[in-house]
Amino acid sequence: MISEATLRAFSATIFYSSHDEHWLPKTLPACVISGQNPLCILQPRQQNVMLHYSLCNYLDRLFPSCDKEEIVGRASDGFWQEDCWVVYGLTTEQALPIASLFGQLAFFYLDENGRQVILCNHYENEEAAIAAAQNGYGWK
């Protein structure tokens, strides 16, 4: 269970482009997912870079036609920072198992109503997460 303080911290996350400028989405809806620091446990930089690009490859494999963009999510106090992928057109049902598989406690969903923090489920194995993502995508 995520504490109220952690949820507030997630909600206050600020997104930046790779040029350290305040970021806004190109289109809506979109999901912002990180693969870094699974379960909010700080990882060495090299491990986080590997996780970030593993998530990118995973997204490419499952959703090859989805447009994505690399951004940075930063805590409002600057203490926590993670590289993220914005995936345009992805639904919460599609993003949830992927974020969960990468050990994330939450991801962000952006639409015309604003931004939501979506808490993650955790799947027993990769096959269960892939099945959930594919079912969310409308694959049978």
C-alpha atoms as a PDB file:
ATOM      1  CA  MET A   1       0.000   0.000   0.000  1.00  0.00           C
ATOM      2  CA  ILE A   2       1.291   3.457  -0.887  1.00  0.00           C
ATOM      3  CA  SER A   3       1.285   6.036   1.881  1.00  0.00           C
ATOM      4  CA  GLU A   4      -0.637   9.291   1.553  1.00  0.00           C
ATOM      5  CA  ALA A   5       2.681  11.199   1.645  1.00  0.00           C
ATOM      6  CA  THR A   6       4.076   9.132  -1.237  1.00  0.00           C
ATOM      7  CA  LEU A   7       0.900   9.644  -3.264  1.00  0.00           C
ATOM      8  CA  ARG A   8       1.116  13.416  -2.672  1.00  0.00           C
ATOM      9  CA  ALA A   9       4.762  13.353  -3.779  1.00  0.00           C
ATOM     10  CA  PHE A  10       3.841  11.463  -6.975  1.00  0.00           C
ATOM     11  CA  SER A  11       1.050  13.960  -7.645  1.00  0.00           C
ATOM     12  CA  ALA A  12       3.501  16.869  -7.379  1.00  0.00           C
ATOM     13  CA  THR A  13       5.937  15.418  -9.945  1.00  0.00           C
ATOM     14  CA  ILE A  14       7.097  17.958 -12.515  1.00  0.00           C
ATOM     15  CA  PHE A  15       7.918  16.816 -16.046  1.00  0.00           C
ATOM     16  CA  TYR A  16      10.783  18.223 -18.093  1.00  0.00           C
ATOM     17  CA  SER A  17      11.939  17.695 -21.657  1.00  0.00           C
ATOM     18  CA  SER A  18      15.394  16.351 -22.394  1.00  0.00           C
ATOM     19  CA  HIS A  19      16.455  20.014 -22.756  1.00  0.00           C
ATOM     20  CA  ASP A  20      15.448  20.713 -19.118  1.00  0.00           C
ATOM     21  CA  GLU A  21      12.449  22.756 -20.212  1.00  0.00           C
ATOM     22  CA  HIS A  22       8.995  22.367 -18.692  1.00  0.00           C
ATOM     23  CA  TRP A  23       7.274  19.661 -20.743  1.00  0.00           C
ATOM     24  CA  LEU A  24       3.760  19.529 -22.178  1.00  0.00           C
ATOM     25  CA  PRO A  25       2.277  16.574 -24.089  1.00  0.00           C
ATOM     26  CA  LYS A  26       1.995  16.717 -27.897  1.00  0.00           C
ATOM     27  CA  THR A  27      -1.413  15.025 -27.873  1.00  0.00           C
ATOM     28  CA  LEU A  28      -3.797  13.381 -25.442  1.00  0.00           C
ATOM     29  CA  PRO A  29      -4.326  10.824 -24.049  1.00  0.00           C
ATOM     30  CA  ALA A  30      -0.866   9.777 -22.953  1.00  0.00           C
ATOM     31  CA  CYS A  31       0.747   7.669 -20.244  1.00  0.00           C
ATOM     32  CA  VAL A  32       4.023   8.515 -18.528  1.00  0.00           C
ATOM     33  CA  ILE A  33       5.891   5.414 -17.366  1.00  0.00           C
ATOM     34  CA  SER A  34       9.318   4.981 -15.804  1.00  0.00           C
ATOM     35  CA  GLY A  35      11.291   1.787 -15.512  1.00  0.00           C
ATOM     36  CA  GLN A  36      13.789   3.233 -13.059  1.00  0.00           C
ATOM     37  CA  ASN A  37      14.178   2.680  -9.321  1.00  0.00           C
ATOM     38  CA  PRO A  38      11.717  -0.247  -9.042  1.00  0.00           C
ATOM     39  CA  LEU A  39       9.583  -0.174  -5.881  1.00  0.00           C
ATOM     40  CA  CYS A  40      11.130   3.256  -5.130  1.00  0.00           C
ATOM     41  CA  ILE A  41      14.453   1.641  -4.272  1.00  0.00           C
ATOM     42  CA  LEU A  42      17.312   3.782  -5.561  1.00  0.00           C
ATOM     43  CA  GLN A  43      19.409   1.976  -8.149  1.00  0.00           C
ATOM     44  CA  PRO A  44      22.894   2.801  -9.469  1.00  0.00           C
ATOM     45  CA  ARG A  45      22.837   5.103 -12.531  1.00  0.00           C
ATOM     46  CA  GLN A  46      24.014   2.327 -14.882  1.00  0.00           C
ATOM     47  CA  GLN A  47      21.189   0.021 -13.712  1.00  0.00           C
ATOM     48  CA  ASN A  48      18.607   2.792 -14.182  1.00  0.00           C
ATOM     49  CA  VAL A  49      19.845   3.508 -17.707  1.00  0.00           C
ATOM     50  CA  MET A  50      19.531  -0.204 -18.531  1.00  0.00           C
ATOM     51  CA  LEU A  51      16.005  -0.317 -17.060  1.00  0.00           C
ATOM     52  CA  HIS A  52      14.990   2.821 -18.979  1.00  0.00           C
ATOM     53  CA  TYR A  53      16.019   1.385 -22.339  1.00  0.00           C
ATOM     54  CA  SER A  54      14.634  -2.043 -21.490  1.00  0.00           C
ATOM     55  CA  LEU A  55      11.254  -0.358 -20.965  1.00  0.00           C
ATOM     56  CA  CYS A  56      11.652   1.404 -24.321  1.00  0.00           C
ATOM     57  CA  ASN A  57      12.358  -1.901 -26.092  1.00  0.00           C
ATOM     58  CA  TYR A  58       9.457  -3.556 -24.294  1.00  0.00           C
ATOM     59  CA  LEU A  59       7.065  -0.795 -25.359  1.00  0.00           C
ATOM     60  CA  ASP A  60       8.336  -1.025 -28.948  1.00  0.00           C
ATOM     61  CA  ARG A  61       7.735  -4.765 -28.960  1.00  0.00           C
ATOM     62  CA  LEU A  62       4.198  -4.616 -27.521  1.00  0.00           C
ATOM     63  CA  PHE A  63       2.999  -1.388 -29.153  1.00  0.00           C
ATOM     64  CA  PRO A  64       5.116  -0.782 -32.263  1.00  0.00           C
ATOM     65  CA  SER A  65       2.732   1.813 -33.677  1.00  0.00           C
ATOM     66  CA  CYS A  66       2.570   3.979 -30.531  1.00  0.00           C
ATOM     67  CA  ASP A  67       4.450   7.266 -30.592  1.00  0.00           C
ATOM     68  CA  LYS A  68       6.643   7.836 -27.552  1.00  0.00           C
ATOM     69  CA  GLU A  69       8.826  10.597 -26.173  1.00  0.00           C
ATOM     70  CA  GLU A  70      11.607  10.631 -23.591  1.00  0.00           C
ATOM     71  CA  ILE A  71      11.154  13.025 -20.649  1.00  0.00           C
ATOM     72  CA  VAL A  72      12.313  13.457 -17.051  1.00  0.00           C
ATOM     73  CA  GLY A  73      10.030  13.273 -14.025  1.00  0.00           C
ATOM     74  CA  ARG A  74      11.335  15.240 -11.063  1.00  0.00           C
ATOM     75  CA  ALA A  75      10.038  15.571  -7.509  1.00  0.00           C
ATOM     76  CA  SER A  76       8.964  19.116  -6.709  1.00  0.00           C
ATOM     77  CA  ASP A  77      11.777  19.346  -4.123  1.00  0.00           C
ATOM     78  CA  GLY A  78      14.317  18.069  -6.676  1.00  0.00           C
ATOM     79  CA  PHE A  79      15.326  15.087  -4.516  1.00  0.00           C
ATOM     80  CA  TRP A  80      13.973  12.375  -6.841  1.00  0.00           C
ATOM     81  CA  GLN A  81      14.411  12.253 -10.606  1.00  0.00           C
ATOM     82  CA  GLU A  82      13.717   9.539 -13.166  1.00  0.00           C
ATOM     83  CA  ASP A  83      13.852   9.254 -16.921  1.00  0.00           C
ATOM     84  CA  CYS A  84      10.422   8.359 -18.285  1.00  0.00           C
ATOM     85  CA  TRP A  85       8.668   7.472 -21.496  1.00  0.00           C
ATOM     86  CA  VAL A  86       5.526   9.249 -22.604  1.00  0.00           C
ATOM     87  CA  VAL A  87       3.480   6.850 -24.701  1.00  0.00           C
ATOM     88  CA  TYR A  88       0.780   8.584 -26.731  1.00  0.00           C
ATOM     89  CA  GLY A  89      -2.544   6.862 -27.192  1.00  0.00           C
ATOM     90  CA  LEU A  90      -1.914   4.197 -24.547  1.00  0.00           C
ATOM     91  CA  THR A  91      -4.797   3.461 -22.186  1.00  0.00           C
ATOM     92  CA  THR A  92      -4.505   2.899 -18.453  1.00  0.00           C
ATOM     93  CA  GLU A  93      -5.461  -0.739 -19.053  1.00  0.00           C
ATOM     94  CA  GLN A  94      -2.490  -1.100 -21.390  1.00  0.00           C
ATOM     95  CA  ALA A  95       0.000   0.815 -19.254  1.00  0.00           C
ATOM     96  CA  LEU A  96      -0.876  -0.711 -15.880  1.00  0.00           C
ATOM     97  CA  PRO A  97       0.637  -4.183 -16.411  1.00  0.00           C
ATOM     98  CA  ILE A  98       3.753  -2.720 -18.032  1.00  0.00           C
ATOM     99  CA  ALA A  99       4.441  -0.244 -15.241  1.00  0.00           C
ATOM    100  CA  SER A 100       3.731  -3.015 -12.744  1.00  0.00           C
ATOM    101  CA  LEU A 101       6.095  -5.429 -14.479  1.00  0.00           C
ATOM    102  CA  PHE A 102       8.863  -2.831 -14.236  1.00  0.00           C
ATOM    103  CA  GLY A 103       8.256  -2.556 -10.492  1.00  0.00           C
ATOM    104  CA  GLN A 104       6.641   0.861 -10.505  1.00  0.00           C
ATOM    105  CA  LEU A 105       4.291   1.863  -7.709  1.00  0.00           C
ATOM    106  CA  ALA A 106       2.399   4.198 -10.041  1.00  0.00           C
ATOM    107  CA  PHE A 107       2.355   5.844 -13.466  1.00  0.00           C
ATOM    108  CA  PHE A 108       0.672   8.947 -14.858  1.00  0.00           C
ATOM    109  CA  TYR A 109      -2.303   9.165 -17.188  1.00  0.00           C
ATOM    110  CA  LEU A 110      -2.905  12.456 -18.982  1.00  0.00           C
ATOM    111  CA  ASP A 111      -6.097  13.362 -20.806  1.00  0.00           C
ATOM    112  CA  GLU A 112      -8.302  16.402 -21.448  1.00  0.00           C
ATOM    113  CA  ASN A 113      -9.361  16.330 -17.770  1.00  0.00           C
ATOM    114  CA  GLY A 114      -5.774  16.669 -16.489  1.00  0.00           C
ATOM    115  CA  ARG A 115      -3.304  14.293 -14.911  1.00  0.00           C
ATOM    116  CA  GLN A 116      -4.018  11.251 -12.769  1.00  0.00           C
ATOM    117  CA  VAL A 117      -1.665   9.111 -10.698  1.00  0.00           C
ATOM    118  CA  ILE A 118      -2.596   5.482 -11.361  1.00  0.00           C
ATOM    119  CA  LEU A 119      -1.480   3.003  -8.706  1.00  0.00           C
ATOM    120  CA  CYS A 120      -0.018  -0.253  -9.984  1.00  0.00           C
ATOM    121  CA  ASN A 121      -0.916  -3.882  -9.481  1.00  0.00           C
ATOM    122  CA  HIS A 122       1.878  -6.375  -9.379  1.00  0.00           C
ATOM    123  CA  TYR A 123       1.725  -9.491 -11.532  1.00  0.00           C
ATOM    124  CA  GLU A 124       3.136 -12.877 -10.611  1.00  0.00           C
ATOM    125  CA  ASN A 125       5.231 -13.147 -13.751  1.00  0.00           C
ATOM    126  CA  GLU A 126       5.976 -11.562 -17.108  1.00  0.00           C
ATOM    127  CA  GLU A 127       3.483 -13.768 -18.976  1.00  0.00           C
ATOM    128  CA  ALA A 128       0.612 -12.531 -16.787  1.00  0.00           C
ATOM    129  CA  ALA A 129       1.659  -8.899 -17.320  1.00  0.00           C
ATOM    130  CA  ILE A 130       1.960  -9.353 -21.100  1.00  0.00           C
ATOM    131  CA  ALA A 131      -1.461 -11.026 -21.246  1.00  0.00           C
ATOM    132  CA  ALA A 132      -2.997  -8.140 -19.300  1.00  0.00           C
ATOM    133  CA  ALA A 133      -1.335  -5.531 -21.554  1.00  0.00           C
ATOM    134  CA  GLN A 134      -2.421  -7.328 -24.708  1.00  0.00           C
ATOM    135  CA  ASN A 135      -6.017  -7.713 -23.469  1.00  0.00           C
ATOM    136  CA  GLY A 136      -6.063  -4.006 -22.629  1.00  0.00           C
ATOM    137  CA  TYR A 137      -4.895  -3.300 -26.156  1.00  0.00           C
ATOM    138  CA  GLY A 138      -7.768  -5.283 -27.590  1.00  0.00           C
ATOM    139  CA  TRP A 139      -5.676  -8.262 -28.692  1.00  0.00           C
ATOM    140  CA  LYS A 140      -7.158 -11.711 -28.242  1.00  0.00           C
END
